[in-house]
Amino acid sequence: MFQNCATTKLHMNQSGNYETAIKNAILDFNSTSMAKRGKVFVAYSQELDSGIIVVVIHSPVNKVKIFADGTKSTLPTRYIEYNNKLYYWHDSTSSDVNTISKLNEYQAIDSLQDLSQAVLNHDDAKKGMYYYFCKQDLSYFKKVISNRLLRESMPRNFSCKNK
């Protein structure tokens, strides 16, 4: 497990958990044309029942919302700052001051007076980079640009057997 980090030296790892898969995806994503389109990106991960960890990276539709009465949207709990870009995600850990400070530094927080001001947009046309990692060898992956569901976007020729 790695901590929230501002780092410039990351390398791809073969073993680990979903956080390692996210880090590996960020390393690859940073070299794509999609990374050139923004400074802030959100990541999601999910393990499929077939031993595959899926990581999706895309630019966020909304900013993180914090309301004057103290309520907030689901705050990201982890981040990596890599090559002057911020990648954040939510997991089961609690958010800390560093994550909120980093989001604020990248102007990724929207402060509102009350919940009635919140507008949550969802863009079905927005594409992200989908990474499909073999859980037993996180250096083996396929990636797809898509706006479809995780299983619908999975490459047909991708298999983790013998990996």
C-alpha atoms as a PDB file:
ATOM      1  CA  MET A   1       0.000   0.000   0.000  1.00  0.00           C
ATOM      2  CA  PHE A   2       1.365   3.436  -0.781  1.00  0.00           C
ATOM      3  CA  GLN A   3       0.613   6.737   0.859  1.00  0.00           C
ATOM      4  CA  ASN A   4      -0.711   9.864  -0.766  1.00  0.00           C
ATOM      5  CA  CYS A   5       2.326  11.088  -2.584  1.00  0.00           C
ATOM      6  CA  ALA A   6       3.710  13.899  -4.621  1.00  0.00           C
ATOM      7  CA  THR A   7       6.356  12.083  -6.574  1.00  0.00           C
ATOM      8  CA  THR A   8       8.144  12.225  -9.867  1.00  0.00           C
ATOM      9  CA  LYS A   9       9.690   8.732  -9.754  1.00  0.00           C
ATOM     10  CA  LEU A  10       7.149   5.976 -10.160  1.00  0.00           C
ATOM     11  CA  HIS A  11       7.757   2.642 -11.806  1.00  0.00           C
ATOM     12  CA  MET A  12       5.434  -0.125 -12.930  1.00  0.00           C
ATOM     13  CA  ASN A  13       5.056  -2.995 -10.433  1.00  0.00           C
ATOM     14  CA  GLN A  14       4.213  -6.595 -11.205  1.00  0.00           C
ATOM     15  CA  SER A  15       2.554  -7.474  -7.883  1.00  0.00           C
ATOM     16  CA  GLY A  16       0.317  -5.661  -5.453  1.00  0.00           C
ATOM     17  CA  ASN A  17      -3.314  -4.714  -4.971  1.00  0.00           C
ATOM     18  CA  TYR A  18      -5.766  -2.290  -6.588  1.00  0.00           C
ATOM     19  CA  GLU A  19      -3.628   0.686  -5.503  1.00  0.00           C
ATOM     20  CA  THR A  20      -0.676  -0.757  -7.392  1.00  0.00           C
ATOM     21  CA  ALA A  21      -2.926  -1.246 -10.429  1.00  0.00           C
ATOM     22  CA  ILE A  22      -4.010   2.416 -10.149  1.00  0.00           C
ATOM     23  CA  LYS A  23      -0.371   3.522  -9.941  1.00  0.00           C
ATOM     24  CA  ASN A  24       0.542   1.383 -12.985  1.00  0.00           C
ATOM     25  CA  ALA A  25      -2.407   2.840 -14.901  1.00  0.00           C
ATOM     26  CA  ILE A  26      -1.344   6.392 -14.019  1.00  0.00           C
ATOM     27  CA  LEU A  27       2.169   5.696 -15.301  1.00  0.00           C
ATOM     28  CA  ASP A  28       0.833   4.534 -18.642  1.00  0.00           C
ATOM     29  CA  PHE A  29      -1.973   7.106 -18.856  1.00  0.00           C
ATOM     30  CA  ASN A  30       0.476   9.956 -18.350  1.00  0.00           C
ATOM     31  CA  SER A  31       2.103   9.081 -21.691  1.00  0.00           C
ATOM     32  CA  THR A  32      -1.181   9.194 -23.656  1.00  0.00           C
ATOM     33  CA  SER A  33      -2.807  12.080 -25.508  1.00  0.00           C
ATOM     34  CA  MET A  34      -5.706  11.963 -23.014  1.00  0.00           C
ATOM     35  CA  ALA A  35      -3.356  13.110 -20.232  1.00  0.00           C
ATOM     36  CA  LYS A  36      -2.442  16.200 -22.225  1.00  0.00           C
ATOM     37  CA  ARG A  37      -6.086  17.383 -22.069  1.00  0.00           C
ATOM     38  CA  GLY A  38      -6.105  18.262 -18.386  1.00  0.00           C
ATOM     39  CA  LYS A  39      -4.377  18.644 -15.037  1.00  0.00           C
ATOM     40  CA  VAL A  40      -6.854  16.770 -12.819  1.00  0.00           C
ATOM     41  CA  PHE A  41      -8.086  13.205 -13.294  1.00  0.00           C
ATOM     42  CA  VAL A  42     -10.226  10.814 -11.309  1.00  0.00           C
ATOM     43  CA  ALA A  43      -9.565   7.072 -11.089  1.00  0.00           C
ATOM     44  CA  TYR A  44     -11.915   4.216 -10.246  1.00  0.00           C
ATOM     45  CA  SER A  45     -11.003   0.594  -9.691  1.00  0.00           C
ATOM     46  CA  GLN A  46     -12.988  -2.609  -9.478  1.00  0.00           C
ATOM     47  CA  GLU A  47     -12.045  -6.261  -9.385  1.00  0.00           C
ATOM     48  CA  LEU A  48     -13.945  -8.457 -11.805  1.00  0.00           C
ATOM     49  CA  ASP A  49     -14.721 -12.030 -10.834  1.00  0.00           C
ATOM     50  CA  SER A  50     -12.309 -13.302 -13.480  1.00  0.00           C
ATOM     51  CA  GLY A  51      -9.155 -12.172 -11.600  1.00  0.00           C
ATOM     52  CA  ILE A  52      -8.990  -8.903 -13.496  1.00  0.00           C
ATOM     53  CA  ILE A  53      -8.605  -5.488 -11.862  1.00  0.00           C
ATOM     54  CA  VAL A  54     -10.135  -2.704 -13.927  1.00  0.00           C
ATOM     55  CA  VAL A  55      -8.904   0.864 -13.504  1.00  0.00           C
ATOM     56  CA  VAL A  56     -10.675   3.726 -15.274  1.00  0.00           C
ATOM     57  CA  ILE A  57      -9.062   7.160 -15.537  1.00  0.00           C
ATOM     58  CA  HIS A  58     -10.837  10.215 -16.916  1.00  0.00           C
ATOM     59  CA  SER A  59     -11.174  13.925 -16.316  1.00  0.00           C
ATOM     60  CA  PRO A  60     -13.884  14.666 -13.748  1.00  0.00           C
ATOM     61  CA  VAL A  61     -17.253  16.053 -14.818  1.00  0.00           C
ATOM     62  CA  ASN A  62     -17.820  17.820 -11.479  1.00  0.00           C
ATOM     63  CA  LYS A  63     -15.611  19.336  -8.853  1.00  0.00           C
ATOM     64  CA  VAL A  64     -15.635  17.853  -5.354  1.00  0.00           C
ATOM     65  CA  LYS A  65     -18.402  19.628  -3.428  1.00  0.00           C
ATOM     66  CA  ILE A  66     -18.106  20.908   0.145  1.00  0.00           C
ATOM     67  CA  PHE A  67     -21.101  22.737   1.636  1.00  0.00           C
ATOM     68  CA  ALA A  68     -21.156  25.557   4.178  1.00  0.00           C
ATOM     69  CA  ASP A  69     -23.132  23.377   6.636  1.00  0.00           C
ATOM     70  CA  GLY A  70     -20.297  20.819   6.659  1.00  0.00           C
ATOM     71  CA  THR A  71     -21.914  18.162   4.472  1.00  0.00           C
ATOM     72  CA  LYS A  72     -19.872  17.072   1.483  1.00  0.00           C
ATOM     73  CA  SER A  73     -19.976  14.877  -1.530  1.00  0.00           C
ATOM     74  CA  THR A  74     -17.914  11.709  -1.304  1.00  0.00           C
ATOM     75  CA  LEU A  75     -14.439  13.058  -0.862  1.00  0.00           C
ATOM     76  CA  PRO A  76     -11.468  11.450  -2.534  1.00  0.00           C
ATOM     77  CA  THR A  77      -9.258   9.753   0.017  1.00  0.00           C
ATOM     78  CA  ARG A  78      -6.129   9.096  -2.019  1.00  0.00           C
ATOM     79  CA  TYR A  79      -4.129  10.883  -4.658  1.00  0.00           C
ATOM     80  CA  ILE A  80      -0.934  10.808  -6.644  1.00  0.00           C
ATOM     81  CA  GLU A  81       0.602  13.917  -8.104  1.00  0.00           C
ATOM     82  CA  TYR A  82       2.660  12.909 -11.110  1.00  0.00           C
ATOM     83  CA  ASN A  83       4.268  15.166 -13.737  1.00  0.00           C
ATOM     84  CA  ASN A  84       2.302  18.197 -12.528  1.00  0.00           C
ATOM     85  CA  LYS A  85      -1.028  16.370 -12.784  1.00  0.00           C
ATOM     86  CA  LEU A  86      -3.331  15.266  -9.986  1.00  0.00           C
ATOM     87  CA  TYR A  87      -4.917  11.801 -10.014  1.00  0.00           C
ATOM     88  CA  TYR A  88      -7.378  11.103  -7.201  1.00  0.00           C
ATOM     89  CA  TRP A  89      -9.742   8.350  -6.103  1.00  0.00           C
ATOM     90  CA  HIS A  90     -11.959   7.228  -3.248  1.00  0.00           C
ATOM     91  CA  ASP A  91     -11.451   4.087  -1.215  1.00  0.00           C
ATOM     92  CA  SER A  92     -12.495   2.856   2.206  1.00  0.00           C
ATOM     93  CA  THR A  93      -9.919   4.934   4.078  1.00  0.00           C
ATOM     94  CA  SER A  94     -10.898   8.253   5.609  1.00  0.00           C
ATOM     95  CA  SER A  95      -9.957  11.482   3.893  1.00  0.00           C
ATOM     96  CA  ASP A  96      -7.176  13.535   5.391  1.00  0.00           C
ATOM     97  CA  VAL A  97      -6.169  17.186   5.302  1.00  0.00           C
ATOM     98  CA  ASN A  98      -3.466  16.537   2.700  1.00  0.00           C
ATOM     99  CA  THR A  99      -5.969  15.224   0.147  1.00  0.00           C
ATOM    100  CA  ILE A 100      -8.294  18.209   0.590  1.00  0.00           C
ATOM    101  CA  SER A 101      -5.344  20.626   0.448  1.00  0.00           C
ATOM    102  CA  LYS A 102      -4.088  19.026  -2.757  1.00  0.00           C
ATOM    103  CA  LEU A 103      -7.572  19.158  -4.342  1.00  0.00           C
ATOM    104  CA  ASN A 104      -7.770  22.825  -3.369  1.00  0.00           C
ATOM    105  CA  GLU A 105      -4.335  23.508  -4.852  1.00  0.00           C
ATOM    106  CA  TYR A 106      -5.567  22.143  -8.206  1.00  0.00           C
ATOM    107  CA  GLN A 107      -8.870  24.064  -7.881  1.00  0.00           C
ATOM    108  CA  ALA A 108     -10.838  20.797  -7.836  1.00  0.00           C
ATOM    109  CA  ILE A 109     -13.132  21.798  -4.942  1.00  0.00           C
ATOM    110  CA  ASP A 110     -16.420  23.618  -5.325  1.00  0.00           C
ATOM    111  CA  SER A 111     -17.728  25.292  -2.166  1.00  0.00           C
ATOM    112  CA  LEU A 112     -21.476  25.869  -2.056  1.00  0.00           C
ATOM    113  CA  GLN A 113     -23.800  27.452   0.461  1.00  0.00           C
ATOM    114  CA  ASP A 114     -26.282  24.574   0.581  1.00  0.00           C
ATOM    115  CA  LEU A 115     -27.255  21.324  -1.083  1.00  0.00           C
ATOM    116  CA  SER A 116     -29.895  22.984  -3.258  1.00  0.00           C
ATOM    117  CA  GLN A 117     -27.088  24.709  -5.202  1.00  0.00           C
ATOM    118  CA  ALA A 118     -25.420  21.430  -6.106  1.00  0.00           C
ATOM    119  CA  VAL A 119     -25.693  20.390  -9.704  1.00  0.00           C
ATOM    120  CA  LEU A 120     -24.292  16.952 -10.430  1.00  0.00           C
ATOM    121  CA  ASN A 121     -23.593  16.440 -14.086  1.00  0.00           C
ATOM    122  CA  HIS A 122     -23.084  13.108 -15.752  1.00  0.00           C
ATOM    123  CA  ASP A 123     -21.712  12.965 -19.254  1.00  0.00           C
ATOM    124  CA  ASP A 124     -22.438   9.624 -20.946  1.00  0.00           C
ATOM    125  CA  ALA A 125     -20.362  10.676 -23.937  1.00  0.00           C
ATOM    126  CA  LYS A 126     -17.248  11.341 -21.844  1.00  0.00           C
ATOM    127  CA  LYS A 127     -14.577   8.789 -22.618  1.00  0.00           C
ATOM    128  CA  GLY A 128     -12.021   7.412 -20.246  1.00  0.00           C
ATOM    129  CA  MET A 129      -9.059   5.103 -20.449  1.00  0.00           C
ATOM    130  CA  TYR A 130      -9.976   1.614 -19.218  1.00  0.00           C
ATOM    131  CA  TYR A 131      -7.116  -0.571 -18.003  1.00  0.00           C
ATOM    132  CA  TYR A 132      -7.603  -4.315 -17.551  1.00  0.00           C
ATOM    133  CA  PHE A 133      -4.862  -5.796 -15.332  1.00  0.00           C
ATOM    134  CA  CYS A 134      -4.269  -9.435 -14.490  1.00  0.00           C
ATOM    135  CA  LYS A 135      -4.403  -9.580 -10.699  1.00  0.00           C
ATOM    136  CA  GLN A 136      -1.554 -12.092 -10.499  1.00  0.00           C
ATOM    137  CA  ASP A 137       0.715 -10.019 -12.824  1.00  0.00           C
ATOM    138  CA  LEU A 138      -0.081  -6.300 -12.768  1.00  0.00           C
ATOM    139  CA  SER A 139       2.503  -5.599 -15.453  1.00  0.00           C
ATOM    140  CA  TYR A 140       0.271  -7.476 -17.926  1.00  0.00           C
ATOM    141  CA  PHE A 141      -2.625  -5.285 -19.082  1.00  0.00           C
ATOM    142  CA  LYS A 142      -4.699  -4.065 -21.983  1.00  0.00           C
ATOM    143  CA  LYS A 143      -6.183  -0.605 -22.325  1.00  0.00           C
ATOM    144  CA  VAL A 144      -9.214   0.693 -24.176  1.00  0.00           C
ATOM    145  CA  ILE A 145     -10.612   4.188 -24.676  1.00  0.00           C
ATOM    146  CA  SER A 146     -14.344   3.961 -24.055  1.00  0.00           C
ATOM    147  CA  ASN A 147     -17.433   5.450 -22.459  1.00  0.00           C
ATOM    148  CA  ARG A 148     -19.144   2.067 -22.024  1.00  0.00           C
ATOM    149  CA  LEU A 149     -19.503  -0.171 -18.989  1.00  0.00           C
ATOM    150  CA  LEU A 150     -16.504  -2.066 -17.578  1.00  0.00           C
ATOM    151  CA  ARG A 151     -17.407  -5.486 -18.958  1.00  0.00           C
ATOM    152  CA  GLU A 152     -18.638  -4.072 -22.280  1.00  0.00           C
ATOM    153  CA  SER A 153     -15.298  -2.310 -22.796  1.00  0.00           C
ATOM    154  CA  MET A 154     -13.138  -5.325 -21.960  1.00  0.00           C
ATOM    155  CA  PRO A 155     -11.024  -6.459 -24.912  1.00  0.00           C
ATOM    156  CA  ARG A 156     -12.277  -9.792 -26.260  1.00  0.00           C
ATOM    157  CA  ASN A 157      -8.792 -11.205 -26.679  1.00  0.00           C
ATOM    158  CA  PHE A 158      -7.664 -10.424 -23.111  1.00  0.00           C
ATOM    159  CA  SER A 159      -7.056 -13.383 -20.832  1.00  0.00           C
ATOM    160  CA  CYS A 160      -5.134 -13.804 -17.597  1.00  0.00           C
ATOM    161  CA  LYS A 161      -4.706 -17.559 -17.999  1.00  0.00           C
ATOM    162  CA  ASN A 162      -1.046 -18.588 -17.837  1.00  0.00           C
ATOM    163  CA  LYS A 163      -0.084 -15.208 -16.354  1.00  0.00           C
END
